[in-house]
């Protein structure tokens, strides 16, 4: 169990969790799906979670819902994610009328407070994506009123607080939220949360005109490449490609390769939602390069690469 937890929320985000994705234990399947989603294997994650949205344990069902919602949202499908996050919040309302363990010694990541806040934070992020900033603020405030959440959950809450501030045209408030997330992430074992915190803070700083944002974005890209976190590779590289003083030709191949690989790893519904989304850059969704053979992708060799030089494995 410890190795699986390290893959989902620790220092082994690139670990092989495929066997656990087929486990008879739904909680192990959920942890495996979290890790697979972090690697960009969205179809495999959805398969691992298949049938668990209706699980009799409302806390587990809610965590499954917010996980699937997060994967949809990362492909720009905020409306589809909103439905899943809403279902998760309804399951947590059901939990109020049930007697379930609030915390589990074996599965500390599955508890009532985190599930409720994760659903609220997800709904706030969905509202940002749908242009409903006032609604996002209300949902985020409701999430902030819940005490005793895990560090992981608090980091997530601060990420979305930064997104709301950016959407409201207040990059300095976004920096404050993102800095809190970065501090918390530095004290937790999750490499994925550390990399995303660098990404969020880097975007906030770059938006505010702080040149230090580019350094953080490069750090996020390095971490994401090193650990195979493709859903973090493409946004980090895409933002870097658009920054003044940065060479787009250096970073765009990372963004295009990562996004196209993630889409190939997604289920058919997710691909359709991504192609219809205004959030995903259309010039990255398709490439003029001829397809490669034998399953090779533009990101072969990149998982141990670095953005500090030329893009290894990219033609």
Protein backbone atom coordinates (compact mmCIF):
# COMPACT_ATOMS: atom_id res chain seq x y z
CA UNK A 1 0.00 0.00 0.00
CA UNK A 2 2.83 2.40 0.79
CA UNK A 3 4.23 2.05 -2.76
CA UNK A 4 0.81 2.77 -4.24
CA UNK A 5 0.41 5.81 -2.01
CA UNK A 6 3.86 7.04 -3.11
CA UNK A 7 2.68 6.80 -6.72
CA UNK A 8 -0.55 8.70 -6.12
CA UNK A 9 0.58 11.30 -3.60
CA UNK A 10 4.30 10.95 -3.08
CA UNK A 11 7.76 10.69 -4.56
CA UNK A 12 7.05 7.96 -7.14
CA UNK A 13 4.48 9.55 -9.46
CA UNK A 14 5.88 7.63 -12.45
CA UNK A 15 5.54 4.20 -10.79
CA UNK A 16 3.88 1.27 -12.53
CA UNK A 17 0.41 0.94 -10.98
CA UNK A 18 -1.30 -1.02 -13.74
CA UNK A 19 -1.83 -4.14 -11.63
CA UNK A 20 -3.48 -2.08 -8.88
CA UNK A 21 -5.77 -0.49 -11.46
CA UNK A 22 -7.34 -3.94 -11.77
CA UNK A 23 -7.49 -4.61 -8.02
CA UNK A 24 -10.65 -5.97 -6.43
CA UNK A 25 -10.21 -3.34 -3.71
CA UNK A 26 -11.96 -0.14 -4.90
CA UNK A 27 -9.72 2.05 -2.74
CA UNK A 28 -6.59 0.62 -4.33
CA UNK A 29 -8.17 1.18 -7.74
CA UNK A 30 -8.84 4.81 -6.81
CA UNK A 31 -5.21 5.39 -5.76
CA UNK A 32 -4.00 3.75 -8.97
CA UNK A 33 -6.35 5.95 -11.01
CA UNK A 34 -4.97 9.06 -9.31
CA UNK A 35 -1.45 8.02 -10.29
CA UNK A 36 -2.49 7.10 -13.84
CA UNK A 37 -4.21 10.45 -14.26
CA UNK A 38 -1.06 12.23 -13.13
CA UNK A 39 0.81 10.37 -15.87
CA UNK A 40 -1.82 11.32 -18.43
CA UNK A 41 -3.35 7.85 -18.82
CA UNK A 42 -6.91 9.16 -18.64
CA UNK A 43 -8.63 6.24 -20.35
CA UNK A 44 -6.94 3.75 -18.03
CA UNK A 45 -7.88 5.87 -15.01
CA UNK A 46 -11.51 6.04 -16.13
CA UNK A 47 -11.55 2.27 -16.60
CA UNK A 48 -10.10 1.71 -13.13
CA UNK A 49 -12.85 3.88 -11.65
CA UNK A 50 -15.62 2.39 -13.75
CA UNK A 51 -18.65 1.61 -11.62
CA UNK A 52 -17.34 3.30 -8.48
CA UNK A 53 -19.36 6.51 -8.85
CA UNK A 54 -22.29 4.58 -7.40
CA UNK A 55 -20.28 2.90 -4.65
CA UNK A 56 -22.30 2.58 -1.42
CA UNK A 57 -19.62 4.44 0.55
CA UNK A 58 -20.46 8.10 -0.30
CA UNK A 59 -16.99 9.32 0.67
CA UNK A 60 -15.23 6.95 -1.71
CA UNK A 61 -17.80 7.69 -4.43
CA UNK A 62 -17.23 11.42 -3.99
CA UNK A 63 -13.45 11.03 -4.26
CA UNK A 64 -13.93 9.01 -7.42
CA UNK A 65 -16.13 11.76 -8.84
CA UNK A 66 -13.70 14.58 -8.15
CA UNK A 67 -10.85 12.50 -9.60
CA UNK A 68 -12.71 11.95 -12.87
CA UNK A 69 -13.77 15.61 -12.87
CA UNK A 70 -10.16 16.70 -12.52
CA UNK A 71 -9.14 14.62 -15.51
CA UNK A 72 -11.94 16.10 -17.63
CA UNK A 73 -11.08 19.64 -16.51
CA UNK A 74 -7.42 19.18 -17.40
CA UNK A 75 -8.59 18.64 -20.98
CA UNK A 76 -10.68 21.80 -20.94
CA UNK A 77 -14.02 20.07 -20.36
CA UNK A 78 -15.27 22.24 -17.50
CA UNK A 79 -18.98 21.59 -18.05
CA UNK A 80 -18.49 17.82 -17.97
CA UNK A 81 -16.31 18.18 -14.89
CA UNK A 82 -19.00 20.31 -13.21
CA UNK A 83 -21.49 17.47 -13.50
CA UNK A 84 -19.09 15.04 -11.81
CA UNK A 85 -18.11 17.50 -9.06
CA UNK A 86 -21.79 18.23 -8.44
CA UNK A 87 -22.52 14.52 -8.09
CA UNK A 88 -19.64 14.26 -5.62
CA UNK A 89 -21.02 17.08 -3.50
CA UNK A 90 -24.47 15.45 -3.50
CA UNK A 91 -22.93 12.20 -2.27
CA UNK A 92 -21.30 14.13 0.57
CA UNK A 93 -24.68 15.60 1.49
CA UNK A 94 -25.87 11.99 1.69
CA UNK A 95 -22.94 11.23 4.01
CA UNK A 96 -24.45 13.55 6.62
CA UNK A 97 -27.23 11.01 7.09
CA UNK A 98 -25.00 7.98 7.29
CA UNK A 99 -22.64 6.56 9.83
CA UNK A 100 -19.30 6.20 8.06
CA UNK A 101 -15.74 6.47 9.29
CA UNK A 102 -14.51 10.04 8.90
CA UNK A 103 -10.91 8.84 8.71
CA UNK A 104 -9.30 5.52 7.89
CA UNK A 105 -5.93 4.45 9.22
CA UNK A 106 -5.26 2.44 6.06
CA UNK A 107 -6.68 5.03 3.66
CA UNK A 108 -6.13 8.48 5.21
CA UNK A 109 -6.67 10.09 1.80
CA UNK A 110 -10.35 9.08 1.86
CA UNK A 111 -12.19 11.10 4.51
CA UNK A 112 -15.30 13.23 4.77
CA UNK A 113 -13.73 16.67 5.12
CA UNK A 114 -11.35 16.25 2.20
CA UNK A 115 -14.07 14.82 -0.02
CA UNK A 116 -16.41 17.73 0.69
CA UNK A 117 -13.72 20.36 0.11
CA UNK A 118 -12.42 18.60 -3.00
CA UNK A 119 -15.92 18.72 -4.49
CA UNK A 120 -16.36 22.41 -3.64
CA UNK A 121 -12.91 23.31 -4.96
CA UNK A 122 -13.59 21.35 -8.13
CA UNK A 123 -16.86 23.18 -8.65
CA UNK A 124 -15.05 26.50 -8.13
CA UNK A 125 -12.46 25.56 -10.75
CA UNK A 126 -15.25 24.50 -13.12
CA UNK A 127 -16.94 27.87 -12.59
CA UNK A 128 -13.72 29.70 -13.47
CA UNK A 129 -13.49 27.72 -16.69
CA UNK A 130 -17.10 28.57 -17.51
CA UNK A 131 -16.56 32.29 -16.87
CA UNK A 132 -18.59 32.37 -13.64
CA UNK A 133 -16.05 34.09 -11.41
CA UNK A 134 -18.50 35.28 -8.74
CA UNK A 135 -19.86 31.76 -8.42
CA UNK A 136 -16.29 30.48 -8.16
CA UNK A 137 -15.60 32.88 -5.30
CA UNK A 138 -18.67 31.70 -3.38
CA UNK A 139 -17.77 28.05 -3.81
CA UNK A 140 -14.16 28.69 -2.85
CA UNK A 141 -15.29 30.55 0.27
CA UNK A 142 -17.45 27.57 1.24
CA UNK A 143 -14.44 25.30 0.79
CA UNK A 144 -12.37 27.63 2.95
CA UNK A 145 -14.88 27.35 5.78
CA UNK A 146 -14.07 23.64 6.27
CA UNK A 147 -11.33 23.06 8.83
CA UNK A 148 -9.05 20.09 9.38
CA UNK A 149 -8.38 19.19 5.77
CA UNK A 150 -5.22 17.44 4.63
CA UNK A 151 -2.23 19.30 3.27
CA UNK A 152 -3.03 17.91 -0.19
CA UNK A 153 -6.54 19.32 -0.02
CA UNK A 154 -5.34 22.71 1.26
CA UNK A 155 -2.80 22.93 -1.58
CA UNK A 156 -5.55 22.26 -4.09
CA UNK A 157 -7.73 24.91 -2.49
CA UNK A 158 -4.94 27.48 -2.83
CA UNK A 159 -4.34 26.58 -6.49
CA UNK A 160 -7.95 27.38 -7.27
CA UNK A 161 -7.81 30.52 -5.15
CA UNK A 162 -4.97 31.67 -7.40
CA UNK A 163 -6.96 30.81 -10.52
CA UNK A 164 -9.94 32.81 -9.26
CA UNK A 165 -7.73 35.81 -8.49
CA UNK A 166 -6.18 35.66 -11.96
CA UNK A 167 -9.62 35.40 -13.55
CA UNK A 168 -10.64 38.46 -11.54
CA UNK A 169 -7.64 40.45 -12.78
CA UNK A 170 -5.75 40.42 -9.48
CA UNK A 171 -2.38 38.71 -10.07
CA UNK A 172 -0.94 39.88 -6.75
CA UNK A 173 -3.71 38.12 -4.82
CA UNK A 174 -3.05 35.11 -7.04
CA UNK A 175 0.63 35.18 -6.04
CA UNK A 176 -0.33 35.14 -2.35
CA UNK A 177 -2.52 32.04 -2.83
CA UNK A 178 0.06 30.32 -5.01
CA UNK A 179 2.84 31.04 -2.53
CA UNK A 180 0.84 29.35 0.22
CA UNK A 181 0.37 26.34 -2.01
CA UNK A 182 4.08 26.24 -2.85
CA UNK A 183 5.08 26.38 0.82
CA UNK A 184 2.67 23.59 1.71
CA UNK A 185 3.82 21.52 -1.27
CA UNK A 186 7.46 21.88 -0.25
CA UNK A 187 6.55 20.25 3.07
CA UNK A 188 4.65 17.31 1.58
CA UNK A 189 6.07 14.30 -0.29
CA UNK A 190 4.05 14.73 -3.50
CA UNK A 191 6.27 15.62 -6.45
CA UNK A 192 3.18 16.17 -8.56
CA UNK A 193 1.84 18.75 -6.12
CA UNK A 194 5.23 20.44 -5.94
CA UNK A 195 5.46 20.70 -9.74
CA UNK A 196 1.94 22.05 -10.12
CA UNK A 197 2.51 24.55 -7.32
CA UNK A 198 5.56 25.85 -9.21
CA UNK A 199 3.41 26.05 -12.34
CA UNK A 200 0.60 28.00 -10.64
CA UNK A 201 2.98 30.38 -8.87
CA UNK A 202 5.01 30.84 -12.05
CA UNK A 203 1.92 31.78 -14.04
CA UNK A 204 0.79 34.22 -11.34
CA UNK A 205 4.21 35.87 -11.16
CA UNK A 206 4.54 36.07 -14.96
CA UNK A 207 1.08 37.63 -15.16
CA UNK A 208 2.18 40.24 -12.63
CA UNK A 209 5.27 41.00 -14.73
CA UNK A 210 7.71 39.30 -12.35
CA UNK A 211 10.59 37.79 -14.33
CA UNK A 212 11.05 35.17 -11.61
CA UNK A 213 7.94 33.45 -12.87
CA UNK A 214 9.81 32.02 -15.84
CA UNK A 215 12.32 30.30 -13.56
CA UNK A 216 9.53 28.63 -11.62
CA UNK A 217 7.83 27.55 -14.83
CA UNK A 218 11.07 25.97 -16.06
CA UNK A 219 11.38 24.19 -12.73
CA UNK A 220 7.83 22.88 -13.11
CA UNK A 221 8.60 21.71 -16.63
CA UNK A 222 11.79 19.97 -15.52
CA UNK A 223 9.98 18.15 -12.71
CA UNK A 224 7.11 17.15 -14.98
CA UNK A 225 9.46 15.83 -17.67
CA UNK A 226 11.64 13.97 -15.20
CA UNK A 227 8.71 12.17 -13.61
CA UNK A 228 6.47 11.64 -16.64
CA UNK A 229 3.75 14.05 -15.53
CA UNK A 230 2.54 14.87 -19.03
CA UNK A 231 -0.58 16.85 -17.99
CA UNK A 232 1.82 19.34 -16.38
CA UNK A 233 4.33 19.33 -19.22
CA UNK A 234 2.16 20.90 -21.87
CA UNK A 235 0.79 23.92 -19.90
CA UNK A 236 4.23 24.69 -18.42
CA UNK A 237 5.86 24.58 -21.84
CA UNK A 238 3.02 26.49 -23.49
CA UNK A 239 3.26 29.40 -21.04
CA UNK A 240 7.05 29.47 -21.38
CA UNK A 241 6.77 29.58 -25.17
CA UNK A 242 4.73 32.76 -24.90
CA UNK A 243 6.90 34.65 -22.44
CA UNK A 244 9.02 37.59 -23.62
CA UNK A 245 12.63 36.64 -24.06
CA UNK A 246 11.85 32.92 -24.44
CA UNK A 247 12.27 31.10 -27.74
CA UNK A 248 8.95 29.48 -28.69
CA UNK A 249 10.81 26.92 -30.82
CA UNK A 250 12.49 25.62 -27.68
CA UNK A 251 9.30 24.96 -25.72
CA UNK A 252 6.49 24.43 -28.23
CA UNK A 253 7.60 20.87 -29.11
CA UNK A 254 7.26 19.90 -25.46
CA UNK A 255 3.77 21.37 -25.29
CA UNK A 256 2.60 19.80 -28.55
CA UNK A 257 4.13 16.41 -27.84
CA UNK A 258 2.77 16.19 -24.32
CA UNK A 259 -0.76 17.27 -25.22
CA UNK A 260 -0.98 14.98 -28.22
CA UNK A 261 0.31 12.04 -26.18
CA UNK A 262 -2.21 12.72 -23.41
CA UNK A 263 -5.01 12.85 -25.97
CA UNK A 264 -3.90 9.51 -27.40
CA UNK A 265 -4.09 8.09 -23.88
CA UNK A 266 -7.57 9.50 -23.28
CA UNK A 267 -10.90 7.81 -23.87
CA UNK A 268 -12.96 8.74 -26.92
CA UNK A 269 -15.35 10.96 -24.94
CA UNK A 270 -12.48 12.90 -23.41
CA UNK A 271 -10.90 13.46 -26.83
CA UNK A 272 -14.16 14.82 -28.22
CA UNK A 273 -14.55 17.15 -25.24
CA UNK A 274 -10.96 18.34 -25.62
CA UNK A 275 -11.34 19.10 -29.31
CA UNK A 276 -14.51 21.08 -28.60
CA UNK A 277 -12.94 23.06 -25.76
CA UNK A 278 -11.90 26.68 -26.20
CA UNK A 279 -9.30 26.20 -23.46
CA UNK A 280 -7.02 23.91 -25.42
CA UNK A 281 -4.84 25.58 -28.09
CA UNK A 282 -5.98 24.28 -31.46
CA UNK A 283 -2.49 24.59 -32.96
CA UNK A 284 -1.22 22.01 -30.47
CA UNK A 285 -4.06 19.56 -31.01
CA UNK A 286 -2.86 18.72 -34.48
CA UNK A 287 0.60 18.51 -35.94
CA UNK A 288 1.86 18.69 -39.50
CA UNK A 289 4.44 16.02 -38.65
CA UNK A 290 3.78 12.58 -40.16
CA UNK A 291 2.67 9.93 -37.66
CA UNK A 292 5.39 7.71 -36.25
CA UNK A 293 5.29 3.95 -36.35
CA UNK A 294 5.58 1.23 -33.75
CA UNK A 295 3.81 3.24 -31.07
CA UNK A 296 6.58 5.86 -30.96
CA UNK A 297 5.50 9.32 -29.86
CA UNK A 298 7.05 12.74 -29.98
CA UNK A 299 7.76 12.43 -26.25
CA UNK A 300 9.87 9.28 -26.42
CA UNK A 301 12.90 9.94 -24.28
CA UNK A 302 11.50 13.07 -22.68
CA UNK A 303 10.52 11.62 -19.31
CA UNK A 304 14.13 11.82 -18.19
CA UNK A 305 14.91 14.91 -20.19
CA UNK A 306 15.35 18.51 -19.17
CA UNK A 307 14.05 21.77 -20.54
CA UNK A 308 17.39 23.39 -19.82
CA UNK A 309 18.70 22.53 -23.27
CA UNK A 310 17.35 21.32 -26.57
CA UNK A 311 14.34 19.07 -26.47
CA UNK A 312 15.64 15.49 -26.49
CA UNK A 313 13.67 13.08 -28.61
CA UNK A 314 11.79 15.83 -30.46
CA UNK A 315 12.10 16.32 -34.21
